[in-house]
Amino acid sequence: MMTGITGTPGTGKTSIAAELERRGHTVVRLADTVRPYIIEEDSRRQTLVVDVDQWAEEFEPIDGIVEGHLAHLLPCDRVVVLRCRPDVLRKRLSPRNYPPEKVAENAEAEALDVILIETLDEHSDEHVFEVDTTDLSVKECVDRIEQVIRGELPPSCGSIDWTDYLEPGI
């Protein structure tokens, strides 16, 4: 069974994947798999443009966890969408030296459920789970994800609403 862990940058994917790996799970970090599929590097926005269709088509499914911003585009059996309140997300992204526009873009994407919507476009809602990482430790998040993997938690999507955190004028 392949479980995807996805989310807006700053929601905790990397830290959670490291803990899952520490607990003995097989984890593939998708950032390590996209290099051959990069079409363009946007240095101003510190973003890589990937040929997602070819990458997803050629990706060899695994029995384990795939972690990354694009995990929801793969044929996962279950997908965990990590969420974080946009004001907290801004604080998490600031130390990364992202341009202010990129921080604002990611906080807005989180408030608008962009990754969740993309996930639901690819997967039926009975295979999608949201985990709000805002106030949970990495270990608490991993405990929940392990419950998802074992089938102990019911699907959950659409219960988080960050629209109050949208900037005026959006």
N, C-alpha and C. Protein backbone atom coordinates (compact mmCIF):
# COMPACT_ATOMS: atom_id res chain seq x y z
N MET A 1 0.84 -1.18 0.00
CA MET A 1 0.00 0.00 0.00
C MET A 1 0.89 1.24 0.00
N MET A 2 0.55 2.19 -0.88
CA MET A 2 1.31 3.43 -0.96
C MET A 2 0.49 4.55 -0.34
N THR A 3 1.09 5.22 0.65
CA THR A 3 0.46 6.35 1.32
C THR A 3 1.22 7.61 0.96
N GLY A 4 0.50 8.61 0.49
CA GLY A 4 1.11 9.88 0.16
C GLY A 4 0.97 10.86 1.30
N ILE A 5 2.02 11.63 1.54
CA ILE A 5 1.97 12.74 2.49
C ILE A 5 2.29 13.99 1.71
N THR A 6 1.32 14.88 1.64
CA THR A 6 1.45 16.09 0.84
C THR A 6 1.03 17.29 1.67
N GLY A 7 1.20 18.46 1.12
CA GLY A 7 0.79 19.69 1.80
C GLY A 7 1.56 20.87 1.26
N THR A 8 1.07 22.03 1.60
CA THR A 8 1.73 23.28 1.25
C THR A 8 3.12 23.29 1.90
N PRO A 9 4.12 23.92 1.26
CA PRO A 9 5.42 24.05 1.93
C PRO A 9 5.25 24.64 3.33
N GLY A 10 5.95 24.04 4.29
CA GLY A 10 5.91 24.52 5.66
C GLY A 10 4.93 23.80 6.57
N THR A 11 4.18 22.86 6.04
CA THR A 11 3.19 22.16 6.87
C THR A 11 3.80 21.02 7.69
N GLY A 12 5.04 20.64 7.41
CA GLY A 12 5.71 19.64 8.21
C GLY A 12 6.07 18.34 7.52
N LYS A 13 5.97 18.30 6.21
CA LYS A 13 6.20 17.04 5.47
C LYS A 13 7.56 16.43 5.75
N THR A 14 8.60 17.21 5.68
CA THR A 14 9.97 16.70 5.83
C THR A 14 10.21 16.17 7.23
N SER A 15 9.80 16.93 8.25
CA SER A 15 10.00 16.50 9.64
C SER A 15 9.20 15.24 9.94
N ILE A 16 7.98 15.20 9.46
CA ILE A 16 7.11 14.04 9.69
C ILE A 16 7.67 12.81 8.97
N ALA A 17 8.15 12.99 7.75
CA ALA A 17 8.74 11.86 7.01
C ALA A 17 9.97 11.32 7.73
N ALA A 18 10.77 12.20 8.29
CA ALA A 18 11.96 11.75 9.03
C ALA A 18 11.56 10.91 10.24
N GLU A 19 10.50 11.32 10.95
CA GLU A 19 10.05 10.54 12.10
C GLU A 19 9.44 9.21 11.66
N LEU A 20 8.69 9.22 10.56
CA LEU A 20 8.14 7.96 10.05
C LEU A 20 9.27 7.00 9.69
N GLU A 21 10.30 7.52 9.07
CA GLU A 21 11.45 6.70 8.71
C GLU A 21 12.15 6.18 9.97
N ARG A 22 12.29 7.04 10.97
CA ARG A 22 12.91 6.64 12.23
C ARG A 22 12.12 5.49 12.87
N ARG A 23 10.80 5.49 12.66
CA ARG A 23 9.95 4.44 13.22
C ARG A 23 9.91 3.18 12.35
N GLY A 24 10.70 3.16 11.28
CA GLY A 24 10.82 1.95 10.49
C GLY A 24 10.04 1.90 9.19
N HIS A 25 9.36 2.96 8.84
CA HIS A 25 8.60 2.99 7.59
C HIS A 25 9.52 3.27 6.41
N THR A 26 9.21 2.68 5.27
CA THR A 26 9.88 3.01 4.02
C THR A 26 9.34 4.35 3.54
N VAL A 27 10.23 5.30 3.32
CA VAL A 27 9.83 6.64 2.89
C VAL A 27 10.63 7.04 1.67
N VAL A 28 9.91 7.46 0.62
CA VAL A 28 10.56 8.03 -0.57
C VAL A 28 10.26 9.52 -0.57
N ARG A 29 11.32 10.30 -0.59
CA ARG A 29 11.17 11.75 -0.66
C ARG A 29 11.10 12.13 -2.14
N LEU A 30 9.95 12.65 -2.52
CA LEU A 30 9.71 12.90 -3.94
C LEU A 30 10.64 13.95 -4.52
N ALA A 31 11.15 14.85 -3.70
CA ALA A 31 12.11 15.84 -4.19
C ALA A 31 13.34 15.15 -4.79
N ASP A 32 13.64 13.95 -4.30
CA ASP A 32 14.78 13.19 -4.83
C ASP A 32 14.47 12.51 -6.15
N THR A 33 13.21 12.50 -6.59
CA THR A 33 12.83 11.77 -7.80
C THR A 33 12.52 12.67 -8.99
N VAL A 34 12.40 13.98 -8.77
CA VAL A 34 11.92 14.86 -9.84
C VAL A 34 13.01 15.47 -10.71
N ARG A 35 14.25 15.38 -10.29
CA ARG A 35 15.35 16.06 -11.02
C ARG A 35 15.30 15.80 -12.53
N PRO A 36 15.12 14.56 -13.01
CA PRO A 36 15.09 14.34 -14.47
C PRO A 36 13.89 14.97 -15.17
N TYR A 37 12.91 15.42 -14.41
CA TYR A 37 11.67 15.94 -14.99
C TYR A 37 11.55 17.46 -14.87
N ILE A 38 12.62 18.11 -14.43
CA ILE A 38 12.59 19.57 -14.28
C ILE A 38 12.63 20.21 -15.66
N ILE A 39 11.65 21.06 -15.90
CA ILE A 39 11.54 21.79 -17.16
C ILE A 39 12.23 23.14 -17.05
N GLU A 40 12.09 23.75 -15.88
CA GLU A 40 12.59 25.11 -15.71
C GLU A 40 12.87 25.35 -14.23
N GLU A 41 13.89 26.17 -13.96
CA GLU A 41 14.16 26.61 -12.59
C GLU A 41 13.89 28.10 -12.52
N ASP A 42 12.96 28.47 -11.68
CA ASP A 42 12.61 29.88 -11.49
C ASP A 42 13.35 30.35 -10.24
N SER A 43 14.54 30.94 -10.44
CA SER A 43 15.36 31.34 -9.30
C SER A 43 14.76 32.51 -8.54
N ARG A 44 14.01 33.35 -9.21
CA ARG A 44 13.38 34.50 -8.54
C ARG A 44 12.39 34.01 -7.48
N ARG A 45 11.58 33.00 -7.84
CA ARG A 45 10.58 32.46 -6.91
C ARG A 45 11.10 31.24 -6.15
N GLN A 46 12.34 30.84 -6.40
CA GLN A 46 12.93 29.65 -5.79
C GLN A 46 12.02 28.45 -5.99
N THR A 47 11.64 28.22 -7.24
CA THR A 47 10.69 27.17 -7.59
C THR A 47 11.20 26.37 -8.78
N LEU A 48 10.95 25.08 -8.75
CA LEU A 48 11.25 24.21 -9.88
C LEU A 48 9.95 23.90 -10.60
N VAL A 49 9.98 23.97 -11.92
CA VAL A 49 8.82 23.60 -12.72
C VAL A 49 9.09 22.19 -13.24
N VAL A 50 8.19 21.27 -12.91
CA VAL A 50 8.38 19.86 -13.20
C VAL A 50 7.35 19.40 -14.22
N ASP A 51 7.77 18.51 -15.13
CA ASP A 51 6.82 17.85 -16.03
C ASP A 51 6.11 16.78 -15.20
N VAL A 52 5.07 17.22 -14.51
CA VAL A 52 4.37 16.38 -13.54
C VAL A 52 3.73 15.16 -14.21
N ASP A 53 3.18 15.34 -15.38
CA ASP A 53 2.52 14.22 -16.05
C ASP A 53 3.50 13.09 -16.34
N GLN A 54 4.65 13.42 -16.92
CA GLN A 54 5.64 12.39 -17.23
C GLN A 54 6.20 11.78 -15.94
N TRP A 55 6.48 12.63 -14.96
CA TRP A 55 7.00 12.13 -13.68
C TRP A 55 6.03 11.13 -13.04
N ALA A 56 4.75 11.49 -12.96
CA ALA A 56 3.75 10.62 -12.33
C ALA A 56 3.58 9.33 -13.13
N GLU A 57 3.62 9.44 -14.45
CA GLU A 57 3.46 8.27 -15.30
C GLU A 57 4.61 7.28 -15.12
N GLU A 58 5.82 7.80 -14.93
CA GLU A 58 6.99 6.94 -14.83
C GLU A 58 7.35 6.55 -13.39
N PHE A 59 6.66 7.13 -12.42
CA PHE A 59 6.96 6.83 -11.03
C PHE A 59 6.58 5.38 -10.72
N GLU A 60 7.51 4.65 -10.15
CA GLU A 60 7.27 3.24 -9.79
C GLU A 60 6.65 3.19 -8.40
N PRO A 61 5.38 2.76 -8.29
CA PRO A 61 4.73 2.71 -6.97
C PRO A 61 5.54 1.86 -5.98
N ILE A 62 5.42 2.23 -4.70
CA ILE A 62 6.14 1.53 -3.64
C ILE A 62 5.16 1.03 -2.59
N ASP A 63 5.62 0.14 -1.77
CA ASP A 63 4.88 -0.27 -0.58
C ASP A 63 5.49 0.54 0.55
N GLY A 64 4.88 1.67 0.85
CA GLY A 64 5.42 2.56 1.86
C GLY A 64 4.83 3.95 1.71
N ILE A 65 5.63 4.93 2.05
CA ILE A 65 5.18 6.32 2.11
C ILE A 65 5.94 7.14 1.08
N VAL A 66 5.20 7.96 0.33
CA VAL A 66 5.81 8.93 -0.55
C VAL A 66 5.53 10.31 0.04
N GLU A 67 6.57 11.10 0.19
CA GLU A 67 6.44 12.39 0.85
C GLU A 67 6.86 13.50 -0.09
N GLY A 68 6.01 14.49 -0.22
CA GLY A 68 6.39 15.65 -1.00
C GLY A 68 5.19 16.44 -1.48
N HIS A 69 5.48 17.61 -1.92
CA HIS A 69 4.47 18.58 -2.36
C HIS A 69 3.61 18.03 -3.50
N LEU A 70 4.12 17.04 -4.23
CA LEU A 70 3.39 16.48 -5.38
C LEU A 70 2.86 15.07 -5.12
N ALA A 71 2.96 14.57 -3.90
CA ALA A 71 2.57 13.19 -3.60
C ALA A 71 1.13 12.89 -3.99
N HIS A 72 0.27 13.86 -3.87
CA HIS A 72 -1.16 13.65 -4.17
C HIS A 72 -1.42 13.41 -5.66
N LEU A 73 -0.41 13.63 -6.50
CA LEU A 73 -0.57 13.41 -7.94
C LEU A 73 -0.22 11.98 -8.34
N LEU A 74 0.23 11.18 -7.39
CA LEU A 74 0.57 9.78 -7.65
C LEU A 74 -0.62 8.88 -7.31
N PRO A 75 -0.60 7.64 -7.82
CA PRO A 75 -1.72 6.72 -7.55
C PRO A 75 -1.63 6.10 -6.15
N CYS A 76 -1.76 6.94 -5.14
CA CYS A 76 -1.67 6.48 -3.74
C CYS A 76 -2.96 5.79 -3.33
N ASP A 77 -2.82 4.85 -2.41
CA ASP A 77 -3.99 4.19 -1.84
C ASP A 77 -4.68 5.09 -0.81
N ARG A 78 -3.87 5.87 -0.10
CA ARG A 78 -4.36 6.86 0.85
C ARG A 78 -3.47 8.09 0.73
N VAL A 79 -4.07 9.27 0.96
CA VAL A 79 -3.29 10.50 0.93
C VAL A 79 -3.59 11.30 2.19
N VAL A 80 -2.53 11.69 2.88
CA VAL A 80 -2.64 12.55 4.04
C VAL A 80 -2.22 13.95 3.61
N VAL A 81 -3.14 14.89 3.75
CA VAL A 81 -2.86 16.29 3.41
C VAL A 81 -2.56 17.01 4.73
N LEU A 82 -1.31 17.43 4.88
CA LEU A 82 -0.93 18.18 6.07
C LEU A 82 -1.39 19.62 5.91
N ARG A 83 -1.98 20.16 6.97
CA ARG A 83 -2.52 21.52 6.96
C ARG A 83 -1.88 22.33 8.08
N CYS A 84 -1.83 23.62 7.92
CA CYS A 84 -1.30 24.51 8.96
C CYS A 84 -1.96 25.87 8.82
N ARG A 85 -2.37 26.44 9.94
CA ARG A 85 -3.01 27.75 9.92
C ARG A 85 -2.09 28.74 9.21
N PRO A 86 -2.61 29.53 8.27
CA PRO A 86 -1.76 30.40 7.45
C PRO A 86 -0.85 31.35 8.21
N ASP A 87 -1.29 31.90 9.34
CA ASP A 87 -0.41 32.81 10.08
C ASP A 87 0.79 32.06 10.66
N VAL A 88 0.57 30.83 11.10
CA VAL A 88 1.66 30.00 11.61
C VAL A 88 2.55 29.56 10.45
N LEU A 89 1.94 29.24 9.33
CA LEU A 89 2.69 28.84 8.14
C LEU A 89 3.66 29.95 7.73
N ARG A 90 3.20 31.19 7.74
CA ARG A 90 4.08 32.33 7.42
C ARG A 90 5.30 32.33 8.33
N LYS A 91 5.08 32.11 9.62
CA LYS A 91 6.19 32.10 10.58
C LYS A 91 7.15 30.95 10.30
N ARG A 92 6.62 29.81 9.88
CA ARG A 92 7.48 28.66 9.57
C ARG A 92 8.30 28.90 8.30
N LEU A 93 7.72 29.61 7.34
CA LEU A 93 8.41 29.82 6.06
C LEU A 93 9.42 30.96 6.11
N SER A 94 9.22 31.93 6.99
CA SER A 94 10.10 33.10 7.04
C SER A 94 11.58 32.77 7.21
N PRO A 95 11.96 31.83 8.07
CA PRO A 95 13.38 31.51 8.21
C PRO A 95 14.00 30.85 6.98
N ARG A 96 13.20 30.45 6.02
CA ARG A 96 13.72 29.77 4.83
C ARG A 96 14.27 30.76 3.80
N ASN A 97 14.22 32.02 4.10
CA ASN A 97 14.71 33.06 3.18
C ASN A 97 13.97 33.06 1.85
N TYR A 98 12.71 32.67 1.86
CA TYR A 98 11.88 32.78 0.67
C TYR A 98 11.59 34.26 0.43
N PRO A 99 11.42 34.65 -0.83
CA PRO A 99 10.97 36.02 -1.10
C PRO A 99 9.59 36.23 -0.45
N PRO A 100 9.30 37.44 0.01
CA PRO A 100 8.00 37.70 0.65
C PRO A 100 6.81 37.28 -0.21
N GLU A 101 6.95 37.40 -1.54
CA GLU A 101 5.85 37.00 -2.43
C GLU A 101 5.59 35.51 -2.34
N LYS A 102 6.66 34.72 -2.20
CA LYS A 102 6.49 33.27 -2.13
C LYS A 102 5.85 32.87 -0.80
N VAL A 103 6.23 33.52 0.28
CA VAL A 103 5.62 33.25 1.58
C VAL A 103 4.12 33.57 1.51
N ALA A 104 3.79 34.74 0.95
CA ALA A 104 2.38 35.15 0.83
C ALA A 104 1.61 34.19 -0.07
N GLU A 105 2.22 33.77 -1.18
CA GLU A 105 1.57 32.84 -2.11
C GLU A 105 1.26 31.51 -1.43
N ASN A 106 2.20 31.00 -0.63
CA ASN A 106 1.97 29.73 0.06
C ASN A 106 0.92 29.86 1.16
N ALA A 107 0.93 30.95 1.89
CA ALA A 107 -0.09 31.16 2.93
C ALA A 107 -1.47 31.28 2.29
N GLU A 108 -1.54 31.96 1.17
CA GLU A 108 -2.82 32.09 0.45
C GLU A 108 -3.28 30.73 -0.08
N ALA A 109 -2.36 29.96 -0.64
CA ALA A 109 -2.71 28.63 -1.15
C ALA A 109 -3.25 27.75 -0.03
N GLU A 110 -2.65 27.86 1.15
CA GLU A 110 -3.14 27.08 2.29
C GLU A 110 -4.54 27.54 2.70
N ALA A 111 -4.76 28.83 2.74
CA ALA A 111 -6.07 29.36 3.12
C ALA A 111 -7.15 28.96 2.12
N LEU A 112 -6.76 28.81 0.87
CA LEU A 112 -7.72 28.47 -0.20
C LEU A 112 -7.84 26.96 -0.44
N ASP A 113 -7.18 26.15 0.37
CA ASP A 113 -7.27 24.67 0.25
C ASP A 113 -6.72 24.14 -1.08
N VAL A 114 -5.75 24.79 -1.66
CA VAL A 114 -5.27 24.41 -2.99
C VAL A 114 -4.82 22.95 -3.05
N ILE A 115 -3.99 22.51 -2.11
CA ILE A 115 -3.50 21.12 -2.15
C ILE A 115 -4.64 20.14 -1.89
N LEU A 116 -5.53 20.47 -0.97
CA LEU A 116 -6.68 19.59 -0.70
C LEU A 116 -7.53 19.44 -1.95
N ILE A 117 -7.82 20.53 -2.63
CA ILE A 117 -8.64 20.48 -3.84
C ILE A 117 -7.95 19.66 -4.92
N GLU A 118 -6.64 19.88 -5.11
CA GLU A 118 -5.90 19.07 -6.09
C GLU A 118 -5.96 17.59 -5.71
N THR A 119 -5.85 17.30 -4.43
CA THR A 119 -5.89 15.92 -3.96
C THR A 119 -7.24 15.29 -4.27
N LEU A 120 -8.31 16.02 -4.00
CA LEU A 120 -9.66 15.49 -4.25
C LEU A 120 -9.95 15.38 -5.74
N ASP A 121 -9.24 16.13 -6.57
CA ASP A 121 -9.36 15.96 -8.02
C ASP A 121 -8.76 14.63 -8.48
N GLU A 122 -7.79 14.12 -7.73
CA GLU A 122 -7.08 12.90 -8.09
C GLU A 122 -7.58 11.65 -7.35
N HIS A 123 -8.14 11.84 -6.15
CA HIS A 123 -8.48 10.72 -5.28
C HIS A 123 -9.89 10.91 -4.72
N SER A 124 -10.59 9.80 -4.51
CA SER A 124 -11.92 9.89 -3.90
C SER A 124 -11.77 10.26 -2.43
N ASP A 125 -12.78 10.97 -1.92
CA ASP A 125 -12.67 11.50 -0.56
C ASP A 125 -12.54 10.42 0.51
N GLU A 126 -12.90 9.17 0.21
CA GLU A 126 -12.73 8.13 1.23
C GLU A 126 -11.28 7.69 1.39
N HIS A 127 -10.39 8.24 0.54
CA HIS A 127 -8.96 7.92 0.65
C HIS A 127 -8.13 9.12 1.07
N VAL A 128 -8.80 10.22 1.46
CA VAL A 128 -8.09 11.46 1.78
C VAL A 128 -8.29 11.81 3.25
N PHE A 129 -7.20 12.17 3.90
CA PHE A 129 -7.19 12.48 5.32
C PHE A 129 -6.45 13.80 5.53
N GLU A 130 -7.02 14.69 6.32
CA GLU A 130 -6.35 15.94 6.66
C GLU A 130 -5.80 15.82 8.08
N VAL A 131 -4.60 16.34 8.29
CA VAL A 131 -4.02 16.44 9.62
C VAL A 131 -3.58 17.88 9.81
N ASP A 132 -4.15 18.54 10.81
CA ASP A 132 -3.79 19.92 11.13
C ASP A 132 -2.55 19.90 12.01
N THR A 133 -1.43 20.33 11.46
CA THR A 133 -0.15 20.29 12.16
C THR A 133 0.11 21.54 13.00
N THR A 134 -0.80 22.50 12.96
CA THR A 134 -0.57 23.80 13.60
C THR A 134 -0.10 23.66 15.04
N ASP A 135 -0.81 22.90 15.85
CA ASP A 135 -0.52 22.82 17.28
C ASP A 135 -0.08 21.42 17.73
N LEU A 136 0.22 20.54 16.78
CA LEU A 136 0.65 19.19 17.13
C LEU A 136 2.16 19.05 17.01
N SER A 137 2.73 18.20 17.85
CA SER A 137 4.15 17.89 17.70
C SER A 137 4.31 16.95 16.51
N VAL A 138 5.54 16.80 16.06
CA VAL A 138 5.82 15.88 14.97
C VAL A 138 5.38 14.47 15.37
N LYS A 139 5.67 14.08 16.59
CA LYS A 139 5.30 12.73 17.05
C LYS A 139 3.79 12.54 17.06
N GLU A 140 3.03 13.55 17.46
CA GLU A 140 1.57 13.44 17.45
C GLU A 140 1.04 13.32 16.02
N CYS A 141 1.64 14.07 15.10
CA CYS A 141 1.24 13.97 13.69
C CYS A 141 1.53 12.58 13.15
N VAL A 142 2.70 12.05 13.47
CA VAL A 142 3.07 10.71 13.00
C VAL A 142 2.17 9.65 13.61
N ASP A 143 1.81 9.81 14.87
CA ASP A 143 0.87 8.86 15.48
C ASP A 143 -0.43 8.81 14.67
N ARG A 144 -0.94 9.97 14.28
CA ARG A 144 -2.18 10.01 13.49
C ARG A 144 -1.99 9.39 12.11
N ILE A 145 -0.87 9.67 11.50
CA ILE A 145 -0.61 9.11 10.17
C ILE A 145 -0.49 7.59 10.25
N GLU A 146 0.13 7.09 11.29
CA GLU A 146 0.21 5.63 11.46
C GLU A 146 -1.19 5.04 11.66
N GLN A 147 -2.08 5.76 12.32
CA GLN A 147 -3.47 5.30 12.45
C GLN A 147 -4.14 5.26 11.07
N VAL A 148 -3.86 6.25 10.23
CA VAL A 148 -4.40 6.27 8.86
C VAL A 148 -3.89 5.04 8.11
N ILE A 149 -2.59 4.79 8.19
CA ILE A 149 -1.98 3.68 7.48
C ILE A 149 -2.61 2.34 7.92
N ARG A 150 -2.87 2.21 9.21
CA ARG A 150 -3.46 0.97 9.74
C ARG A 150 -4.97 0.90 9.50
N GLY A 151 -5.56 1.96 8.95
CA GLY A 151 -7.00 1.97 8.68
C GLY A 151 -7.84 2.22 9.92
N GLU A 152 -7.26 2.82 10.94
CA GLU A 152 -7.96 3.04 12.21
C GLU A 152 -8.70 4.37 12.27
N LEU A 153 -8.44 5.27 11.35
CA LEU A 153 -9.12 6.56 11.34
C LEU A 153 -10.02 6.65 10.11
N PRO A 154 -11.20 7.22 10.27
CA PRO A 154 -12.06 7.41 9.10
C PRO A 154 -11.50 8.54 8.24
N PRO A 155 -11.81 8.53 6.95
CA PRO A 155 -11.38 9.62 6.09
C PRO A 155 -11.87 10.96 6.64
N SER A 156 -11.07 11.97 6.43
CA SER A 156 -11.46 13.30 6.90
C SER A 156 -10.93 14.33 5.92
N CYS A 157 -11.82 15.01 5.28
CA CYS A 157 -11.39 16.10 4.43
C CYS A 157 -12.49 17.14 4.35
N GLY A 158 -12.09 18.38 4.31
CA GLY A 158 -13.05 19.46 4.21
C GLY A 158 -13.49 20.04 5.54
N SER A 159 -12.89 19.59 6.63
CA SER A 159 -13.30 20.10 7.93
C SER A 159 -12.49 21.30 8.39
N ILE A 160 -11.40 21.60 7.70
CA ILE A 160 -10.54 22.72 8.08
C ILE A 160 -10.87 23.91 7.20
N ASP A 161 -11.08 25.05 7.83
CA ASP A 161 -11.43 26.28 7.11
C ASP A 161 -10.53 27.41 7.56
N TRP A 162 -9.63 27.81 6.66
CA TRP A 162 -8.69 28.89 6.96
C TRP A 162 -9.09 30.20 6.27
N THR A 163 -10.27 30.30 5.72
CA THR A 163 -10.63 31.49 4.94
C THR A 163 -10.57 32.78 5.75
N ASP A 164 -10.70 32.70 7.06
CA ASP A 164 -10.58 33.92 7.88
C ASP A 164 -9.18 34.50 7.82
N TYR A 165 -8.21 33.72 7.33
CA TYR A 165 -6.83 34.18 7.27
C TYR A 165 -6.43 34.74 5.92
N LEU A 166 -7.40 34.84 5.01
CA LEU A 166 -7.11 35.42 3.69
C LEU A 166 -6.85 36.90 3.84
N GLU A 167 -5.91 37.40 3.06
CA GLU A 167 -5.62 38.83 3.03
C GLU A 167 -6.80 39.57 2.43
N PRO A 168 -7.12 40.77 2.90
CA PRO A 168 -8.20 41.55 2.27
C PRO A 168 -7.93 41.75 0.79
N GLY A 169 -8.98 41.70 0.01
CA GLY A 169 -8.85 41.91 -1.43
C GLY A 169 -8.69 40.64 -2.23
N ILE A 170 -8.60 39.50 -1.55
CA ILE A 170 -8.45 38.22 -2.28
C ILE A 170 -9.82 37.62 -2.52
